[in-house]
Amino acid sequence: MKRDADGPGPLNLGNPAEVSIRELAETIVRMAGSRSRIEYRPLPADDPMRRRPDITLARERLGWEPMTDLTKGLAQTIDYFSHRLQREGSTAIG
């Protein structure tokens, strides 16, 4: 957490492509081939209405851009955990 006085400070390294939680959940269930059901619950009082991080500072100060889109990142994550579950002897994914 220590930084130089002229360092960039905290930067958001999210992806500016806005995705709703519903869309994210549906995509994960579909890509994982899961039988999981999505549950809907009341939103917490402090839940953000927009889920689109501002990465302007990361672009300007670090020249950083996200390189992996959601679908590719989820595919890699699902593949990783599928292999890990197989190594550990579990076949239940969803």
PDB file of N, CA and C in Angstrom:
ATOM      1  N   MET A   1       0.810  -1.182   0.000  1.00  0.00           N
ATOM      2  CA  MET A   1       0.000   0.000   0.000  1.00  0.00           C
ATOM      3  C   MET A   1       0.863   1.261   0.000  1.00  0.00           C
ATOM      4  N   LYS A   2       2.149   1.073   0.182  1.00  0.00           N
ATOM      5  CA  LYS A   2       3.042   2.217   0.163  1.00  0.00           C
ATOM      6  C   LYS A   2       3.278   2.632  -1.282  1.00  0.00           C
ATOM      7  N   ARG A   3       3.280   3.928  -1.537  1.00  0.00           N
ATOM      8  CA  ARG A   3       3.512   4.422  -2.892  1.00  0.00           C
ATOM      9  C   ARG A   3       4.349   5.683  -2.836  1.00  0.00           C
ATOM     10  N   ASP A   4       4.968   5.998  -3.953  1.00  0.00           N
ATOM     11  CA  ASP A   4       5.693   7.248  -4.066  1.00  0.00           C
ATOM     12  C   ASP A   4       4.706   8.407  -4.072  1.00  0.00           C
ATOM     13  N   ALA A   5       5.153   9.565  -3.607  1.00  0.00           N
ATOM     14  CA  ALA A   5       4.272  10.731  -3.557  1.00  0.00           C
ATOM     15  C   ALA A   5       3.736  11.093  -4.935  1.00  0.00           C
ATOM     16  N   ASP A   6       4.508  10.811  -5.988  1.00  0.00           N
ATOM     17  CA  ASP A   6       4.054  11.167  -7.337  1.00  0.00           C
ATOM     18  C   ASP A   6       3.422   9.979  -8.061  1.00  0.00           C
ATOM     19  N   GLY A   7       3.182   8.880  -7.324  1.00  0.00           N
ATOM     20  CA  GLY A   7       2.563   7.697  -7.921  1.00  0.00           C
ATOM     21  C   GLY A   7       1.104   7.958  -8.268  1.00  0.00           C
ATOM     22  N   PRO A   8       0.514   7.046  -9.024  1.00  0.00           N
ATOM     23  CA  PRO A   8      -0.850   7.279  -9.507  1.00  0.00           C
ATOM     24  C   PRO A   8      -1.941   7.131  -8.463  1.00  0.00           C
ATOM     25  N   GLY A   9      -1.674   6.517  -7.327  1.00  0.00           N
ATOM     26  CA  GLY A   9      -2.724   6.312  -6.338  1.00  0.00           C
ATOM     27  C   GLY A   9      -3.598   5.142  -6.728  1.00  0.00           C
ATOM     28  N   PRO A  10      -4.735   4.958  -6.060  1.00  0.00           N
ATOM     29  CA  PRO A  10      -5.607   3.827  -6.383  1.00  0.00           C
ATOM     30  C   PRO A  10      -6.225   3.999  -7.771  1.00  0.00           C
ATOM     31  N   LEU A  11      -6.241   2.913  -8.524  1.00  0.00           N
ATOM     32  CA  LEU A  11      -6.798   2.931  -9.875  1.00  0.00           C
ATOM     33  C   LEU A  11      -7.774   1.777 -10.043  1.00  0.00           C
ATOM     34  N   ASN A  12      -8.852   2.013 -10.760  1.00  0.00           N
ATOM     35  CA  ASN A  12      -9.806   0.965 -11.057  1.00  0.00           C
ATOM     36  C   ASN A  12      -9.301   0.197 -12.276  1.00  0.00           C
ATOM     37  N   LEU A  13      -9.137  -1.118 -12.136  1.00  0.00           N
ATOM     38  CA  LEU A  13      -8.677  -1.944 -13.246  1.00  0.00           C
ATOM     39  C   LEU A  13      -9.780  -2.880 -13.730  1.00  0.00           C
ATOM     40  N   GLY A  14     -11.013  -2.448 -13.621  1.00  0.00           N
ATOM     41  CA  GLY A  14     -12.139  -3.243 -14.098  1.00  0.00           C
ATOM     42  C   GLY A  14     -12.265  -3.147 -15.607  1.00  0.00           C
ATOM     43  N   ASN A  15     -13.372  -3.630 -16.105  1.00  0.00           N
ATOM     44  CA  ASN A  15     -13.649  -3.561 -17.536  1.00  0.00           C
ATOM     45  C   ASN A  15     -14.823  -2.617 -17.737  1.00  0.00           C
ATOM     46  N   PRO A  16     -14.689  -1.617 -18.601  1.00  0.00           N
ATOM     47  CA  PRO A  16     -15.753  -0.638 -18.766  1.00  0.00           C
ATOM     48  C   PRO A  16     -16.973  -1.149 -19.542  1.00  0.00           C
ATOM     49  N   ALA A  17     -16.947  -2.390 -19.982  1.00  0.00           N
ATOM     50  CA  ALA A  17     -18.119  -2.959 -20.643  1.00  0.00           C
ATOM     51  C   ALA A  17     -19.140  -3.300 -19.557  1.00  0.00           C
ATOM     52  N   GLU A  18     -20.249  -2.572 -19.538  1.00  0.00           N
ATOM     53  CA  GLU A  18     -21.240  -2.749 -18.469  1.00  0.00           C
ATOM     54  C   GLU A  18     -22.038  -4.025 -18.665  1.00  0.00           C
ATOM     55  N   VAL A  19     -22.150  -4.791 -17.582  1.00  0.00           N
ATOM     56  CA  VAL A  19     -22.883  -6.049 -17.588  1.00  0.00           C
ATOM     57  C   VAL A  19     -23.723  -6.091 -16.317  1.00  0.00           C
ATOM     58  N   SER A  20     -24.998  -6.391 -16.458  1.00  0.00           N
ATOM     59  CA  SER A  20     -25.837  -6.501 -15.269  1.00  0.00           C
ATOM     60  C   SER A  20     -25.511  -7.799 -14.537  1.00  0.00           C
ATOM     61  N   ILE A  21     -25.827  -7.836 -13.257  1.00  0.00           N
ATOM     62  CA  ILE A  21     -25.602  -9.055 -12.479  1.00  0.00           C
ATOM     63  C   ILE A  21     -26.439 -10.194 -13.053  1.00  0.00           C
ATOM     64  N   ARG A  22     -27.652  -9.895 -13.477  1.00  0.00           N
ATOM     65  CA  ARG A  22     -28.504 -10.923 -14.098  1.00  0.00           C
ATOM     66  C   ARG A  22     -27.846 -11.498 -15.352  1.00  0.00           C
ATOM     67  N   GLU A  23     -27.362 -10.611 -16.215  1.00  0.00           N
ATOM     68  CA  GLU A  23     -26.699 -11.061 -17.446  1.00  0.00           C
ATOM     69  C   GLU A  23     -25.455 -11.889 -17.119  1.00  0.00           C
ATOM     70  N   LEU A  24     -24.691 -11.456 -16.128  1.00  0.00           N
ATOM     71  CA  LEU A  24     -23.498 -12.186 -15.723  1.00  0.00           C
ATOM     72  C   LEU A  24     -23.867 -13.577 -15.223  1.00  0.00           C
ATOM     73  N   ALA A  25     -24.863 -13.655 -14.356  1.00  0.00           N
ATOM     74  CA  ALA A  25     -25.290 -14.949 -13.807  1.00  0.00           C
ATOM     75  C   ALA A  25     -25.793 -15.873 -14.914  1.00  0.00           C
ATOM     76  N   GLU A  26     -26.618 -15.345 -15.820  1.00  0.00           N
ATOM     77  CA  GLU A  26     -27.147 -16.161 -16.921  1.00  0.00           C
ATOM     78  C   GLU A  26     -26.020 -16.664 -17.822  1.00  0.00           C
ATOM     79  N   THR A  27     -25.039 -15.821 -18.076  1.00  0.00           N
ATOM     80  CA  THR A  27     -23.907 -16.208 -18.921  1.00  0.00           C
ATOM     81  C   THR A  27     -23.095 -17.311 -18.255  1.00  0.00           C
ATOM     82  N   ILE A  28     -22.838 -17.185 -16.969  1.00  0.00           N
ATOM     83  CA  ILE A  28     -22.073 -18.207 -16.246  1.00  0.00           C
ATOM     84  C   ILE A  28     -22.811 -19.540 -16.260  1.00  0.00           C
ATOM     85  N   VAL A  29     -24.103 -19.516 -15.952  1.00  0.00           N
ATOM     86  CA  VAL A  29     -24.888 -20.756 -15.938  1.00  0.00           C
ATOM     87  C   VAL A  29     -24.849 -21.417 -17.311  1.00  0.00           C
ATOM     88  N   ARG A  30     -25.054 -20.624 -18.361  1.00  0.00           N
ATOM     89  CA  ARG A  30     -25.054 -21.164 -19.726  1.00  0.00           C
ATOM     90  C   ARG A  30     -23.685 -21.724 -20.104  1.00  0.00           C
ATOM     91  N   MET A  31     -22.631 -20.960 -19.881  1.00  0.00           N
ATOM     92  CA  MET A  31     -21.294 -21.387 -20.291  1.00  0.00           C
ATOM     93  C   MET A  31     -20.800 -22.588 -19.504  1.00  0.00           C
ATOM     94  N   ALA A  32     -21.198 -22.673 -18.242  1.00  0.00           N
ATOM     95  CA  ALA A  32     -20.747 -23.787 -17.399  1.00  0.00           C
ATOM     96  C   ALA A  32     -21.599 -25.034 -17.612  1.00  0.00           C
ATOM     97  N   GLY A  33     -22.680 -24.888 -18.362  1.00  0.00           N
ATOM     98  CA  GLY A  33     -23.574 -26.025 -18.544  1.00  0.00           C
ATOM     99  C   GLY A  33     -24.225 -26.413 -17.232  1.00  0.00           C
ATOM    100  N   SER A  34     -24.451 -25.423 -16.397  1.00  0.00           N
ATOM    101  CA  SER A  34     -24.967 -25.666 -15.061  1.00  0.00           C
ATOM    102  C   SER A  34     -26.487 -25.799 -15.056  1.00  0.00           C
ATOM    103  N   ARG A  35     -26.971 -26.516 -14.061  1.00  0.00           N
ATOM    104  CA  ARG A  35     -28.413 -26.617 -13.836  1.00  0.00           C
ATOM    105  C   ARG A  35     -28.844 -25.686 -12.711  1.00  0.00           C
ATOM    106  N   SER A  36     -27.937 -24.843 -12.260  1.00  0.00           N
ATOM    107  CA  SER A  36     -28.227 -23.916 -11.162  1.00  0.00           C
ATOM    108  C   SER A  36     -29.357 -22.968 -11.543  1.00  0.00           C
ATOM    109  N   ARG A  37     -30.168 -22.641 -10.546  1.00  0.00           N
ATOM    110  CA  ARG A  37     -31.230 -21.660 -10.744  1.00  0.00           C
ATOM    111  C   ARG A  37     -30.760 -20.323 -10.180  1.00  0.00           C
ATOM    112  N   ILE A  38     -31.128 -19.269 -10.839  1.00  0.00           N
ATOM    113  CA  ILE A  38     -30.766 -17.932 -10.383  1.00  0.00           C
ATOM    114  C   ILE A  38     -31.856 -17.448  -9.434  1.00  0.00           C
ATOM    115  N   GLU A  39     -31.445 -17.003  -8.262  1.00  0.00           N
ATOM    116  CA  GLU A  39     -32.384 -16.478  -7.271  1.00  0.00           C
ATOM    117  C   GLU A  39     -32.360 -14.964  -7.312  1.00  0.00           C
ATOM    118  N   TYR A  40     -33.524 -14.382  -7.146  1.00  0.00           N
ATOM    119  CA  TYR A  40     -33.653 -12.930  -7.115  1.00  0.00           C
ATOM    120  C   TYR A  40     -34.008 -12.505  -5.704  1.00  0.00           C
ATOM    121  N   ARG A  41     -33.255 -11.551  -5.189  1.00  0.00           N
ATOM    122  CA  ARG A  41     -33.470 -11.054  -3.832  1.00  0.00           C
ATOM    123  C   ARG A  41     -33.473  -9.530  -3.863  1.00  0.00           C
ATOM    124  N   PRO A  42     -34.030  -8.912  -2.833  1.00  0.00           N
ATOM    125  CA  PRO A  42     -34.021  -7.441  -2.792  1.00  0.00           C
ATOM    126  C   PRO A  42     -32.583  -6.915  -2.814  1.00  0.00           C
ATOM    127  N   LEU A  43     -32.395  -5.806  -3.493  1.00  0.00           N
ATOM    128  CA  LEU A  43     -31.064  -5.202  -3.575  1.00  0.00           C
ATOM    129  C   LEU A  43     -30.684  -4.566  -2.248  1.00  0.00           C
ATOM    130  N   PRO A  44     -29.418  -4.654  -1.873  1.00  0.00           N
ATOM    131  CA  PRO A  44     -28.963  -3.934  -0.678  1.00  0.00           C
ATOM    132  C   PRO A  44     -29.115  -2.429  -0.913  1.00  0.00           C
ATOM    133  N   ALA A  45     -29.252  -1.671   0.151  1.00  0.00           N
ATOM    134  CA  ALA A  45     -29.442  -0.221   0.046  1.00  0.00           C
ATOM    135  C   ALA A  45     -28.281   0.458  -0.675  1.00  0.00           C
ATOM    136  N   ASP A  46     -27.064  -0.070  -0.508  1.00  0.00           N
ATOM    137  CA  ASP A  46     -25.889   0.571  -1.109  1.00  0.00           C
ATOM    138  C   ASP A  46     -25.485  -0.054  -2.445  1.00  0.00           C
ATOM    139  N   ASP A  47     -26.363  -0.827  -3.054  1.00  0.00           N
ATOM    140  CA  ASP A  47     -26.048  -1.479  -4.321  1.00  0.00           C
ATOM    141  C   ASP A  47     -25.905  -0.438  -5.424  1.00  0.00           C
ATOM    142  N   PRO A  48     -24.807  -0.478  -6.200  1.00  0.00           N
ATOM    143  CA  PRO A  48     -24.646   0.513  -7.264  1.00  0.00           C
ATOM    144  C   PRO A  48     -25.650   0.287  -8.399  1.00  0.00           C
ATOM    145  N   MET A  49     -26.190   1.361  -8.912  1.00  0.00           N
ATOM    146  CA  MET A  49     -27.150   1.261 -10.017  1.00  0.00           C
ATOM    147  C   MET A  49     -26.427   1.006 -11.342  1.00  0.00           C
ATOM    148  N   ARG A  50     -25.192   1.454 -11.440  1.00  0.00           N
ATOM    149  CA  ARG A  50     -24.401   1.230 -12.651  1.00  0.00           C
ATOM    150  C   ARG A  50     -23.209   0.374 -12.295  1.00  0.00           C
ATOM    151  N   ARG A  51     -22.892  -0.540 -13.177  1.00  0.00           N
ATOM    152  CA  ARG A  51     -21.742  -1.425 -12.977  1.00  0.00           C
ATOM    153  C   ARG A  51     -20.780  -1.242 -14.142  1.00  0.00           C
ATOM    154  N   ARG A  52     -20.322  -0.035 -14.255  1.00  0.00           N
ATOM    155  CA  ARG A  52     -19.385   0.289 -15.322  1.00  0.00           C
ATOM    156  C   ARG A  52     -18.241   1.111 -14.715  1.00  0.00           C
ATOM    157  N   PRO A  53     -17.141   0.459 -14.400  1.00  0.00           N
ATOM    158  CA  PRO A  53     -16.039   1.174 -13.761  1.00  0.00           C
ATOM    159  C   PRO A  53     -15.413   2.207 -14.698  1.00  0.00           C
ATOM    160  N   ASP A  54     -14.945   3.269 -14.112  1.00  0.00           N
ATOM    161  CA  ASP A  54     -14.248   4.309 -14.858  1.00  0.00           C
ATOM    162  C   ASP A  54     -12.753   4.005 -14.788  1.00  0.00           C
ATOM    163  N   ILE A  55     -12.181   3.592 -15.909  1.00  0.00           N
ATOM    164  CA  ILE A  55     -10.756   3.230 -15.934  1.00  0.00           C
ATOM    165  C   ILE A  55      -9.902   4.327 -16.571  1.00  0.00           C
ATOM    166  N   THR A  56     -10.424   5.543 -16.594  1.00  0.00           N
ATOM    167  CA  THR A  56      -9.714   6.662 -17.210  1.00  0.00           C
ATOM    168  C   THR A  56      -8.311   6.835 -16.639  1.00  0.00           C
ATOM    169  N   LEU A  57      -8.184   6.807 -15.308  1.00  0.00           N
ATOM    170  CA  LEU A  57      -6.855   7.001 -14.701  1.00  0.00           C
ATOM    171  C   LEU A  57      -5.887   5.892 -15.083  1.00  0.00           C
ATOM    172  N   ALA A  58      -6.358   4.665 -15.129  1.00  0.00           N
ATOM    173  CA  ALA A  58      -5.482   3.554 -15.528  1.00  0.00           C
ATOM    174  C   ALA A  58      -5.020   3.741 -16.965  1.00  0.00           C
ATOM    175  N   ARG A  59      -5.915   4.193 -17.826  1.00  0.00           N
ATOM    176  CA  ARG A  59      -5.533   4.450 -19.226  1.00  0.00           C
ATOM    177  C   ARG A  59      -4.509   5.573 -19.320  1.00  0.00           C
ATOM    178  N   GLU A  60      -4.803   6.675 -18.643  1.00  0.00           N
ATOM    179  CA  GLU A  60      -3.947   7.866 -18.737  1.00  0.00           C
ATOM    180  C   GLU A  60      -2.591   7.676 -18.069  1.00  0.00           C
ATOM    181  N   ARG A  61      -2.582   7.116 -16.868  1.00  0.00           N
ATOM    182  CA  ARG A  61      -1.340   7.061 -16.097  1.00  0.00           C
ATOM    183  C   ARG A  61      -0.520   5.798 -16.317  1.00  0.00           C
ATOM    184  N   LEU A  62      -1.175   4.714 -16.687  1.00  0.00           N
ATOM    185  CA  LEU A  62      -0.459   3.453 -16.866  1.00  0.00           C
ATOM    186  C   LEU A  62      -0.473   2.954 -18.305  1.00  0.00           C
ATOM    187  N   GLY A  63      -1.326   3.559 -19.134  1.00  0.00           N
ATOM    188  CA  GLY A  63      -1.489   3.046 -20.496  1.00  0.00           C
ATOM    189  C   GLY A  63      -2.148   1.668 -20.487  1.00  0.00           C
ATOM    190  N   TRP A  64      -2.953   1.392 -19.454  1.00  0.00           N
ATOM    191  CA  TRP A  64      -3.556   0.073 -19.260  1.00  0.00           C
ATOM    192  C   TRP A  64      -4.928  -0.010 -19.903  1.00  0.00           C
ATOM    193  N   GLU A  65      -5.195  -1.119 -20.545  1.00  0.00           N
ATOM    194  CA  GLU A  65      -6.500  -1.437 -21.116  1.00  0.00           C
ATOM    195  C   GLU A  65      -6.793  -2.905 -20.808  1.00  0.00           C
ATOM    196  N   PRO A  66      -8.052  -3.258 -20.568  1.00  0.00           N
ATOM    197  CA  PRO A  66      -8.373  -4.676 -20.397  1.00  0.00           C
ATOM    198  C   PRO A  66      -8.112  -5.424 -21.696  1.00  0.00           C
ATOM    199  N   MET A  67      -7.585  -6.624 -21.583  1.00  0.00           N
ATOM    200  CA  MET A  67      -7.226  -7.402 -22.773  1.00  0.00           C
ATOM    201  C   MET A  67      -8.133  -8.615 -22.981  1.00  0.00           C
ATOM    202  N   THR A  68      -8.890  -8.982 -21.967  1.00  0.00           N
ATOM    203  CA  THR A  68      -9.720 -10.174 -22.043  1.00  0.00           C
ATOM    204  C   THR A  68     -11.178  -9.775 -21.873  1.00  0.00           C
ATOM    205  N   ASP A  69     -12.005 -10.157 -22.851  1.00  0.00           N
ATOM    206  CA  ASP A  69     -13.422  -9.828 -22.706  1.00  0.00           C
ATOM    207  C   ASP A  69     -14.093 -10.824 -21.763  1.00  0.00           C
ATOM    208  N   LEU A  70     -15.315 -10.525 -21.390  1.00  0.00           N
ATOM    209  CA  LEU A  70     -16.028 -11.326 -20.402  1.00  0.00           C
ATOM    210  C   LEU A  70     -16.134 -12.788 -20.800  1.00  0.00           C
ATOM    211  N   THR A  71     -16.550 -13.059 -22.028  1.00  0.00           N
ATOM    212  CA  THR A  71     -16.748 -14.441 -22.460  1.00  0.00           C
ATOM    213  C   THR A  71     -15.448 -15.243 -22.401  1.00  0.00           C
ATOM    214  N   LYS A  72     -14.373 -14.654 -22.880  1.00  0.00           N
ATOM    215  CA  LYS A  72     -13.085 -15.352 -22.864  1.00  0.00           C
ATOM    216  C   LYS A  72     -12.604 -15.564 -21.422  1.00  0.00           C
ATOM    217  N   GLY A  73     -12.743 -14.548 -20.590  1.00  0.00           N
ATOM    218  CA  GLY A  73     -12.330 -14.674 -19.194  1.00  0.00           C
ATOM    219  C   GLY A  73     -13.139 -15.716 -18.450  1.00  0.00           C
ATOM    220  N   LEU A  74     -14.450 -15.742 -18.684  1.00  0.00           N
ATOM    221  CA  LEU A  74     -15.283 -16.758 -18.039  1.00  0.00           C
ATOM    222  C   LEU A  74     -14.924 -18.149 -18.539  1.00  0.00           C
ATOM    223  N   ALA A  75     -14.677 -18.294 -19.831  1.00  0.00           N
ATOM    224  CA  ALA A  75     -14.298 -19.604 -20.385  1.00  0.00           C
ATOM    225  C   ALA A  75     -13.017 -20.107 -19.723  1.00  0.00           C
ATOM    226  N   GLN A  76     -12.043 -19.225 -19.556  1.00  0.00           N
ATOM    227  CA  GLN A  76     -10.786 -19.612 -18.910  1.00  0.00           C
ATOM    228  C   GLN A  76     -11.017 -19.982 -17.448  1.00  0.00           C
ATOM    229  N   THR A  77     -11.861 -19.223 -16.756  1.00  0.00           N
ATOM    230  CA  THR A  77     -12.153 -19.491 -15.348  1.00  0.00           C
ATOM    231  C   THR A  77     -12.894 -20.813 -15.179  1.00  0.00           C
ATOM    232  N   ILE A  78     -13.897 -21.031 -16.005  1.00  0.00           N
ATOM    233  CA  ILE A  78     -14.668 -22.283 -15.938  1.00  0.00           C
ATOM    234  C   ILE A  78     -13.765 -23.470 -16.239  1.00  0.00           C
ATOM    235  N   ASP A  79     -12.905 -23.334 -17.230  1.00  0.00           N
ATOM    236  CA  ASP A  79     -11.967 -24.411 -17.576  1.00  0.00           C
ATOM    237  C   ASP A  79     -11.034 -24.709 -16.405  1.00  0.00           C
ATOM    238  N   TYR A  80     -10.503 -23.676 -15.787  1.00  0.00           N
ATOM    239  CA  TYR A  80      -9.605 -23.846 -14.651  1.00  0.00           C
ATOM    240  C   TYR A  80     -10.286 -24.624 -13.529  1.00  0.00           C
ATOM    241  N   PHE A  81     -11.481 -24.173 -13.132  1.00  0.00           N
ATOM    242  CA  PHE A  81     -12.154 -24.827 -12.018  1.00  0.00           C
ATOM    243  C   PHE A  81     -12.660 -26.220 -12.383  1.00  0.00           C
ATOM    244  N   SER A  82     -13.038 -26.442 -13.628  1.00  0.00           N
ATOM    245  CA  SER A  82     -13.438 -27.788 -14.052  1.00  0.00           C
ATOM    246  C   SER A  82     -12.275 -28.757 -13.898  1.00  0.00           C
ATOM    247  N   HIS A  83     -11.090 -28.345 -14.356  1.00  0.00           N
ATOM    248  CA  HIS A  83      -9.908 -29.200 -14.224  1.00  0.00           C
ATOM    249  C   HIS A  83      -9.525 -29.396 -12.759  1.00  0.00           C
ATOM    250  N   ARG A  84      -9.638 -28.352 -11.985  1.00  0.00           N
ATOM    251  CA  ARG A  84      -9.293 -28.456 -10.563  1.00  0.00           C
ATOM    252  C   ARG A  84     -10.238 -29.426  -9.853  1.00  0.00           C
ATOM    253  N   LEU A  85     -11.533 -29.334 -10.145  1.00  0.00           N
ATOM    254  CA  LEU A  85     -12.491 -30.253  -9.540  1.00  0.00           C
ATOM    255  C   LEU A  85     -12.219 -31.691  -9.963  1.00  0.00           C
ATOM    256  N   GLN A  86     -11.843 -31.896 -11.216  1.00  0.00           N
ATOM    257  CA  GLN A  86     -11.524 -33.239 -11.686  1.00  0.00           C
ATOM    258  C   GLN A  86     -10.308 -33.791 -10.952  1.00  0.00           C
ATOM    259  N   ARG A  87      -9.297 -32.968 -10.753  1.00  0.00           N
ATOM    260  CA  ARG A  87      -8.088 -33.399 -10.024  1.00  0.00           C
ATOM    261  C   ARG A  87      -8.411 -33.764  -8.581  1.00  0.00           C
ATOM    262  N   GLU A  88      -9.366 -33.056  -8.016  1.00  0.00           N
ATOM    263  CA  GLU A  88      -9.720 -33.292  -6.612  1.00  0.00           C
ATOM    264  C   GLU A  88     -10.757 -34.389  -6.463  1.00  0.00           C
ATOM    265  N   GLY A  89     -11.189 -34.961  -7.591  1.00  0.00           N
ATOM    266  CA  GLY A  89     -12.116 -36.094  -7.531  1.00  0.00           C
ATOM    267  C   GLY A  89     -13.575 -35.726  -7.506  1.00  0.00           C
ATOM    268  N   SER A  90     -13.911 -34.464  -7.721  1.00  0.00           N
ATOM    269  CA  SER A  90     -15.307 -34.057  -7.735  1.00  0.00           C
ATOM    270  C   SER A  90     -15.746 -33.824  -9.169  1.00  0.00           C
ATOM    271  N   THR A  91     -16.943 -34.257  -9.505  1.00  0.00           N
ATOM    272  CA  THR A  91     -17.451 -34.029 -10.862  1.00  0.00           C
ATOM    273  C   THR A  91     -18.630 -33.076 -10.847  1.00  0.00           C
ATOM    274  N   ALA A  92     -19.078 -32.648  -9.675  1.00  0.00           N
ATOM    275  CA  ALA A  92     -20.240 -31.748  -9.589  1.00  0.00           C
ATOM    276  C   ALA A  92     -19.811 -30.323  -9.873  1.00  0.00           C
ATOM    277  N   ILE A  93     -20.336 -29.739 -10.950  1.00  0.00           N
ATOM    278  CA  ILE A  93     -20.067 -28.356 -11.285  1.00  0.00           C
ATOM    279  C   ILE A  93     -21.298 -27.506 -11.030  1.00  0.00           C
ATOM    280  N   GLY A  94     -22.469 -27.998 -11.238  1.00  0.00           N
ATOM    281  CA  GLY A  94     -23.630 -27.158 -11.027  1.00  0.00           C
ATOM    282  C   GLY A  94     -24.793 -27.992 -10.846  1.00  0.00           C
TER     283      GLY A  94
END
